[in-house]
Each structure stands twice: as C-alpha cells, then as structure tokens.
Amino acid sequence: MTNQTPHDYEIRITGHLGSSLSQAFEGLAARHANGDTILSGNLVDQAALYGVLMKLRDLGLELISVNRVEKT
C-alpha cells in the first residue's frame, strides 16, 4: 500500500546551490546553513520524495540527510 499522505521534509545536501539550480526543485524552498543547502517543503507522497532524491542523484549532488518534519 502506498503512503498518500503529504508531509513536510527537510533535505540537506553538501554545498550551496545557486538560484538556477534551486529552481530545479520547484515547490521546495532552499536556504543555506553551515556550508550546506537545505531544501524544505511539502511533498504530496513518497513518489514525490523519491523524485526529488533521484533528481539530486542525477545532478551529482551529495545527500547528507532527509528528515520528515512534524508540524506543531
């Protein structure tokens, strides 16, 4: 069974993404922290999360972490 519940995520990658590369991750906000980039936002399901992870891989970006953020 596929998880169809939207969740907020923070995805940390090594280095700073420029604005043009950040646009490749439409719908996710990009911010910089301690030399890394954090992409954050709501993803509608697991397929959307895997799509972002595959795009990171295809661009040769180094993944540090993926965290689901619980809304408070």
PDB file of N, CA and C in Angstrom:
ATOM      1  N   MET A   1       0.845  -1.177   0.000  1.00  0.00           N
ATOM      2  CA  MET A   1       0.000   0.000   0.000  1.00  0.00           C
ATOM      3  C   MET A   1       0.890   1.239   0.000  1.00  0.00           C
ATOM      4  N   THR A   2       0.558   2.223  -0.818  1.00  0.00           N
ATOM      5  CA  THR A   2       1.339   3.447  -0.958  1.00  0.00           C
ATOM      6  C   THR A   2       0.864   4.491   0.029  1.00  0.00           C
ATOM      7  N   ASN A   3       1.829   5.173   0.653  1.00  0.00           N
ATOM      8  CA  ASN A   3       1.506   6.254   1.587  1.00  0.00           C
ATOM      9  C   ASN A   3       1.173   7.508   0.785  1.00  0.00           C
ATOM     10  N   GLN A   4      -0.069   7.957   0.812  1.00  0.00           N
ATOM     11  CA  GLN A   4      -0.505   9.107   0.034  1.00  0.00           C
ATOM     12  C   GLN A   4      -0.671  10.365   0.879  1.00  0.00           C
ATOM     13  N   THR A   5      -0.184  10.346   2.114  1.00  0.00           N
ATOM     14  CA  THR A   5      -0.325  11.498   2.994  1.00  0.00           C
ATOM     15  C   THR A   5       0.805  12.487   2.760  1.00  0.00           C
ATOM     16  N   PRO A   6       0.495  13.768   2.529  1.00  0.00           N
ATOM     17  CA  PRO A   6       1.552  14.765   2.379  1.00  0.00           C
ATOM     18  C   PRO A   6       2.297  14.985   3.691  1.00  0.00           C
ATOM     19  N   HIS A   7       3.594  15.239   3.575  1.00  0.00           N
ATOM     20  CA  HIS A   7       4.427  15.533   4.746  1.00  0.00           C
ATOM     21  C   HIS A   7       5.412  16.626   4.385  1.00  0.00           C
ATOM     22  N   ASP A   8       5.848  17.357   5.408  1.00  0.00           N
ATOM     23  CA  ASP A   8       6.915  18.339   5.234  1.00  0.00           C
ATOM     24  C   ASP A   8       8.250  17.634   5.419  1.00  0.00           C
ATOM     25  N   TYR A   9       9.215  18.004   4.575  1.00  0.00           N
ATOM     26  CA  TYR A   9      10.547  17.404   4.628  1.00  0.00           C
ATOM     27  C   TYR A   9      11.609  18.479   4.621  1.00  0.00           C
ATOM     28  N   GLU A  10      12.753  18.150   5.210  1.00  0.00           N
ATOM     29  CA  GLU A  10      13.980  18.923   5.079  1.00  0.00           C
ATOM     30  C   GLU A  10      15.036  17.983   4.512  1.00  0.00           C
ATOM     31  N   ILE A  11      15.604  18.369   3.390  1.00  0.00           N
ATOM     32  CA  ILE A  11      16.600  17.562   2.695  1.00  0.00           C
ATOM     33  C   ILE A  11      17.883  18.378   2.651  1.00  0.00           C
ATOM     34  N   ARG A  12      18.925  17.877   3.303  1.00  0.00           N
ATOM     35  CA  ARG A  12      20.203  18.600   3.386  1.00  0.00           C
ATOM     36  C   ARG A  12      21.194  18.012   2.392  1.00  0.00           C
ATOM     37  N   ILE A  13      21.823  18.896   1.622  1.00  0.00           N
ATOM     38  CA  ILE A  13      22.842  18.477   0.658  1.00  0.00           C
ATOM     39  C   ILE A  13      24.104  19.311   0.863  1.00  0.00           C
ATOM     40  N   THR A  14      25.223  18.750   0.442  1.00  0.00           N
ATOM     41  CA  THR A  14      26.507  19.409   0.586  1.00  0.00           C
ATOM     42  C   THR A  14      26.625  20.581  -0.377  1.00  0.00           C
ATOM     43  N   GLY A  15      27.129  21.705   0.126  1.00  0.00           N
ATOM     44  CA  GLY A  15      27.404  22.866  -0.714  1.00  0.00           C
ATOM     45  C   GLY A  15      26.217  23.793  -0.863  1.00  0.00           C
ATOM     46  N   HIS A  16      26.476  24.895  -1.546  1.00  0.00           N
ATOM     47  CA  HIS A  16      25.449  25.911  -1.783  1.00  0.00           C
ATOM     48  C   HIS A  16      24.922  25.780  -3.207  1.00  0.00           C
ATOM     49  N   LEU A  17      23.623  25.622  -3.352  1.00  0.00           N
ATOM     50  CA  LEU A  17      23.003  25.606  -4.673  1.00  0.00           C
ATOM     51  C   LEU A  17      22.753  27.045  -5.107  1.00  0.00           C
ATOM     52  N   GLY A  18      23.079  27.348  -6.341  1.00  0.00           N
ATOM     53  CA  GLY A  18      22.748  28.649  -6.900  1.00  0.00           C
ATOM     54  C   GLY A  18      21.263  28.729  -7.170  1.00  0.00           C
ATOM     55  N   SER A  19      20.777  29.926  -7.463  1.00  0.00           N
ATOM     56  CA  SER A  19      19.336  30.107  -7.668  1.00  0.00           C
ATOM     57  C   SER A  19      18.827  29.324  -8.876  1.00  0.00           C
ATOM     58  N   SER A  20      19.619  29.219  -9.943  1.00  0.00           N
ATOM     59  CA  SER A  20      19.153  28.487 -11.121  1.00  0.00           C
ATOM     60  C   SER A  20      19.026  26.996 -10.826  1.00  0.00           C
ATOM     61  N   LEU A  21      19.948  26.448 -10.048  1.00  0.00           N
ATOM     62  CA  LEU A  21      19.867  25.025  -9.707  1.00  0.00           C
ATOM     63  C   LEU A  21      18.765  24.786  -8.683  1.00  0.00           C
ATOM     64  N   SER A  22      18.549  25.733  -7.789  1.00  0.00           N
ATOM     65  CA  SER A  22      17.475  25.600  -6.802  1.00  0.00           C
ATOM     66  C   SER A  22      16.112  25.530  -7.477  1.00  0.00           C
ATOM     67  N   GLN A  23      15.979  26.199  -8.635  1.00  0.00           N
ATOM     68  CA  GLN A  23      14.706  26.179  -9.361  1.00  0.00           C
ATOM     69  C   GLN A  23      14.373  24.786  -9.882  1.00  0.00           C
ATOM     70  N   ALA A  24      15.366  23.918  -9.985  1.00  0.00           N
ATOM     71  CA  ALA A  24      15.117  22.540 -10.419  1.00  0.00           C
ATOM     72  C   ALA A  24      14.259  21.794  -9.402  1.00  0.00           C
ATOM     73  N   PHE A  25      14.204  22.325  -8.183  1.00  0.00           N
ATOM     74  CA  PHE A  25      13.426  21.689  -7.120  1.00  0.00           C
ATOM     75  C   PHE A  25      12.193  22.529  -6.820  1.00  0.00           C
ATOM     76  N   GLU A  26      11.403  22.731  -7.857  1.00  0.00           N
ATOM     77  CA  GLU A  26      10.205  23.554  -7.801  1.00  0.00           C
ATOM     78  C   GLU A  26       9.304  23.118  -6.653  1.00  0.00           C
ATOM     79  N   GLY A  27       8.836  24.096  -5.904  1.00  0.00           N
ATOM     80  CA  GLY A  27       7.949  23.813  -4.780  1.00  0.00           C
ATOM     81  C   GLY A  27       8.680  23.637  -3.465  1.00  0.00           C
ATOM     82  N   LEU A  28      10.013  23.519  -3.505  1.00  0.00           N
ATOM     83  CA  LEU A  28      10.794  23.411  -2.282  1.00  0.00           C
ATOM     84  C   LEU A  28      11.593  24.698  -2.090  1.00  0.00           C
ATOM     85  N   ALA A  29      11.607  25.179  -0.868  1.00  0.00           N
ATOM     86  CA  ALA A  29      12.391  26.369  -0.534  1.00  0.00           C
ATOM     87  C   ALA A  29      13.824  25.948  -0.263  1.00  0.00           C
ATOM     88  N   ALA A  30      14.779  26.776  -0.678  1.00  0.00           N
ATOM     89  CA  ALA A  30      16.192  26.491  -0.436  1.00  0.00           C
ATOM     90  C   ALA A  30      16.760  27.550   0.501  1.00  0.00           C
ATOM     91  N   ARG A  31      17.488  27.090   1.510  1.00  0.00           N
ATOM     92  CA  ARG A  31      18.210  28.005   2.385  1.00  0.00           C
ATOM     93  C   ARG A  31      19.586  27.408   2.658  1.00  0.00           C
ATOM     94  N   HIS A  32      20.528  28.268   3.039  1.00  0.00           N
ATOM     95  CA  HIS A  32      21.892  27.828   3.275  1.00  0.00           C
ATOM     96  C   HIS A  32      22.189  27.839   4.766  1.00  0.00           C
ATOM     97  N   ALA A  33      22.920  26.806   5.216  1.00  0.00           N
ATOM     98  CA  ALA A  33      23.297  26.707   6.628  1.00  0.00           C
ATOM     99  C   ALA A  33      24.607  25.943   6.742  1.00  0.00           C
ATOM    100  N   ASN A  34      25.592  26.558   7.344  1.00  0.00           N
ATOM    101  CA  ASN A  34      26.882  25.907   7.614  1.00  0.00           C
ATOM    102  C   ASN A  34      27.508  25.277   6.376  1.00  0.00           C
ATOM    103  N   GLY A  35      27.434  25.972   5.244  1.00  0.00           N
ATOM    104  CA  GLY A  35      28.053  25.473   4.022  1.00  0.00           C
ATOM    105  C   GLY A  35      27.220  24.473   3.251  1.00  0.00           C
ATOM    106  N   ASP A  36      26.040  24.164   3.730  1.00  0.00           N
ATOM    107  CA  ASP A  36      25.150  23.206   3.070  1.00  0.00           C
ATOM    108  C   ASP A  36      23.898  23.922   2.578  1.00  0.00           C
ATOM    109  N   THR A  37      23.108  23.225   1.773  1.00  0.00           N
ATOM    110  CA  THR A  37      21.808  23.724   1.339  1.00  0.00           C
ATOM    111  C   THR A  37      20.735  22.828   1.934  1.00  0.00           C
ATOM    112  N   ILE A  38      19.692  23.443   2.445  1.00  0.00           N
ATOM    113  CA  ILE A  38      18.550  22.705   2.968  1.00  0.00           C
ATOM    114  C   ILE A  38      17.351  23.025   2.092  1.00  0.00           C
ATOM    115  N   LEU A  39      16.810  21.988   1.477  1.00  0.00           N
ATOM    116  CA  LEU A  39      15.578  22.102   0.699  1.00  0.00           C
ATOM    117  C   LEU A  39      14.442  21.702   1.618  1.00  0.00           C
ATOM    118  N   SER A  40      13.404  22.525   1.704  1.00  0.00           N
ATOM    119  CA  SER A  40      12.301  22.196   2.597  1.00  0.00           C
ATOM    120  C   SER A  40      10.974  22.494   1.929  1.00  0.00           C
ATOM    121  N   GLY A  41       9.982  21.706   2.323  1.00  0.00           N
ATOM    122  CA  GLY A  41       8.647  21.923   1.813  1.00  0.00           C
ATOM    123  C   GLY A  41       7.796  20.681   1.935  1.00  0.00           C
ATOM    124  N   ASN A  42       6.596  20.789   1.417  1.00  0.00           N
ATOM    125  CA  ASN A  42       5.610  19.722   1.495  1.00  0.00           C
ATOM    126  C   ASN A  42       5.670  18.874   0.239  1.00  0.00           C
ATOM    127  N   LEU A  43       5.768  17.578   0.429  1.00  0.00           N
ATOM    128  CA  LEU A  43       5.733  16.628  -0.683  1.00  0.00           C
ATOM    129  C   LEU A  43       4.486  15.774  -0.540  1.00  0.00           C
ATOM    130  N   VAL A  44       3.763  15.615  -1.641  1.00  0.00           N
ATOM    131  CA  VAL A  44       2.431  15.013  -1.580  1.00  0.00           C
ATOM    132  C   VAL A  44       2.431  13.527  -1.245  1.00  0.00           C
ATOM    133  N   ASP A  45       3.516  12.822  -1.588  1.00  0.00           N
ATOM    134  CA  ASP A  45       3.567  11.389  -1.294  1.00  0.00           C
ATOM    135  C   ASP A  45       4.999  10.888  -1.424  1.00  0.00           C
ATOM    136  N   GLN A  46       5.187   9.604  -1.188  1.00  0.00           N
ATOM    137  CA  GLN A  46       6.520   9.009  -1.266  1.00  0.00           C
ATOM    138  C   GLN A  46       7.098   9.091  -2.677  1.00  0.00           C
ATOM    139  N   ALA A  47       6.261   8.994  -3.687  1.00  0.00           N
ATOM    140  CA  ALA A  47       6.741   9.093  -5.068  1.00  0.00           C
ATOM    141  C   ALA A  47       7.371  10.455  -5.323  1.00  0.00           C
ATOM    142  N   ALA A  48       6.784  11.522  -4.770  1.00  0.00           N
ATOM    143  CA  ALA A  48       7.349  12.862  -4.921  1.00  0.00           C
ATOM    144  C   ALA A  48       8.698  12.958  -4.217  1.00  0.00           C
ATOM    145  N   LEU A  49       8.813  12.353  -3.042  1.00  0.00           N
ATOM    146  CA  LEU A  49      10.086  12.336  -2.317  1.00  0.00           C
ATOM    147  C   LEU A  49      11.143  11.604  -3.127  1.00  0.00           C
ATOM    148  N   TYR A  50      10.806  10.440  -3.652  1.00  0.00           N
ATOM    149  CA  TYR A  50      11.766   9.682  -4.465  1.00  0.00           C
ATOM    150  C   TYR A  50      12.160  10.456  -5.715  1.00  0.00           C
ATOM    151  N   GLY A  51      11.229  11.215  -6.284  1.00  0.00           N
ATOM    152  CA  GLY A  51      11.542  12.038  -7.446  1.00  0.00           C
ATOM    153  C   GLY A  51      12.598  13.088  -7.126  1.00  0.00           C
ATOM    154  N   VAL A  52      12.479  13.729  -5.964  1.00  0.00           N
ATOM    155  CA  VAL A  52      13.476  14.711  -5.538  1.00  0.00           C
ATOM    156  C   VAL A  52      14.820  14.031  -5.324  1.00  0.00           C
ATOM    157  N   LEU A  53      14.812  12.873  -4.676  1.00  0.00           N
ATOM    158  CA  LEU A  53      16.062  12.156  -4.413  1.00  0.00           C
ATOM    159  C   LEU A  53      16.738  11.717  -5.713  1.00  0.00           C
ATOM    160  N   MET A  54      15.965  11.285  -6.686  1.00  0.00           N
ATOM    161  CA  MET A  54      16.541  10.902  -7.980  1.00  0.00           C
ATOM    162  C   MET A  54      17.118  12.121  -8.702  1.00  0.00           C
ATOM    163  N   LYS A  55      16.455  13.278  -8.576  1.00  0.00           N
ATOM    164  CA  LYS A  55      16.971  14.490  -9.210  1.00  0.00           C
ATOM    165  C   LYS A  55      18.308  14.890  -8.579  1.00  0.00           C
ATOM    166  N   LEU A  56      18.412  14.765  -7.250  1.00  0.00           N
ATOM    167  CA  LEU A  56      19.678  15.027  -6.572  1.00  0.00           C
ATOM    168  C   LEU A  56      20.772  14.115  -7.110  1.00  0.00           C
ATOM    169  N   ARG A  57      20.446  12.843  -7.239  1.00  0.00           N
ATOM    170  CA  ARG A  57      21.402  11.863  -7.764  1.00  0.00           C
ATOM    171  C   ARG A  57      21.806  12.216  -9.188  1.00  0.00           C
ATOM    172  N   ASP A  58      20.840  12.515 -10.035  1.00  0.00           N
ATOM    173  CA  ASP A  58      21.120  12.817 -11.437  1.00  0.00           C
ATOM    174  C   ASP A  58      21.995  14.060 -11.599  1.00  0.00           C
ATOM    175  N   LEU A  59      21.870  15.008 -10.662  1.00  0.00           N
ATOM    176  CA  LEU A  59      22.677  16.225 -10.704  1.00  0.00           C
ATOM    177  C   LEU A  59      24.036  16.049 -10.030  1.00  0.00           C
ATOM    178  N   GLY A  60      24.262  14.868  -9.456  1.00  0.00           N
ATOM    179  CA  GLY A  60      25.543  14.583  -8.813  1.00  0.00           C
ATOM    180  C   GLY A  60      25.728  15.306  -7.492  1.00  0.00           C
ATOM    181  N   LEU A  61      24.621  15.623  -6.812  1.00  0.00           N
ATOM    182  CA  LEU A  61      24.690  16.335  -5.539  1.00  0.00           C
ATOM    183  C   LEU A  61      24.791  15.334  -4.396  1.00  0.00           C
ATOM    184  N   GLU A  62      25.563  15.696  -3.373  1.00  0.00           N
ATOM    185  CA  GLU A  62      25.790  14.800  -2.242  1.00  0.00           C
ATOM    186  C   GLU A  62      24.709  14.992  -1.182  1.00  0.00           C
ATOM    187  N   LEU A  63      23.957  13.944  -0.927  1.00  0.00           N
ATOM    188  CA  LEU A  63      22.886  13.950   0.069  1.00  0.00           C
ATOM    189  C   LEU A  63      23.486  13.740   1.457  1.00  0.00           C
ATOM    190  N   ILE A  64      23.086  14.590   2.385  1.00  0.00           N
ATOM    191  CA  ILE A  64      23.527  14.439   3.773  1.00  0.00           C
ATOM    192  C   ILE A  64      22.431  13.790   4.608  1.00  0.00           C
ATOM    193  N   SER A  65      21.199  14.326   4.489  1.00  0.00           N
ATOM    194  CA  SER A  65      20.114  13.781   5.304  1.00  0.00           C
ATOM    195  C   SER A  65      18.758  14.118   4.706  1.00  0.00           C
ATOM    196  N   VAL A  66      17.784  13.303   5.085  1.00  0.00           N
ATOM    197  CA  VAL A  66      16.376  13.537   4.746  1.00  0.00           C
ATOM    198  C   VAL A  66      15.591  13.379   6.046  1.00  0.00           C
ATOM    199  N   ASN A  67      14.854  14.408   6.420  1.00  0.00           N
ATOM    200  CA  ASN A  67      14.075  14.364   7.654  1.00  0.00           C
ATOM    201  C   ASN A  67      12.646  14.786   7.392  1.00  0.00           C
ATOM    202  N   ARG A  68      11.718  13.984   7.910  1.00  0.00           N
ATOM    203  CA  ARG A  68      10.314  14.395   7.874  1.00  0.00           C
ATOM    204  C   ARG A  68      10.095  15.296   9.082  1.00  0.00           C
ATOM    205  N   VAL A  69       9.489  16.447   8.845  1.00  0.00           N
ATOM    206  CA  VAL A  69       9.288  17.445   9.882  1.00  0.00           C
ATOM    207  C   VAL A  69       7.828  17.386  10.307  1.00  0.00           C
ATOM    208  N   GLU A  70       7.626  17.167  11.596  1.00  0.00           N
ATOM    209  CA  GLU A  70       6.270  17.144  12.129  1.00  0.00           C
ATOM    210  C   GLU A  70       5.800  18.557  12.385  1.00  0.00           C
ATOM    211  N   LYS A  71       4.613  18.861  11.941  1.00  0.00           N
ATOM    212  CA  LYS A  71       4.022  20.185  12.190  1.00  0.00           C
ATOM    213  C   LYS A  71       3.614  20.269  13.656  1.00  0.00           C
ATOM    214  N   THR A  72       3.855  21.435  14.237  1.00  0.00           N
ATOM    215  CA  THR A  72       3.496  21.612  15.656  1.00  0.00           C
ATOM    216  C   THR A  72       2.327  22.537  15.798  1.00  0.00           C
TER     217      THR A  72
END
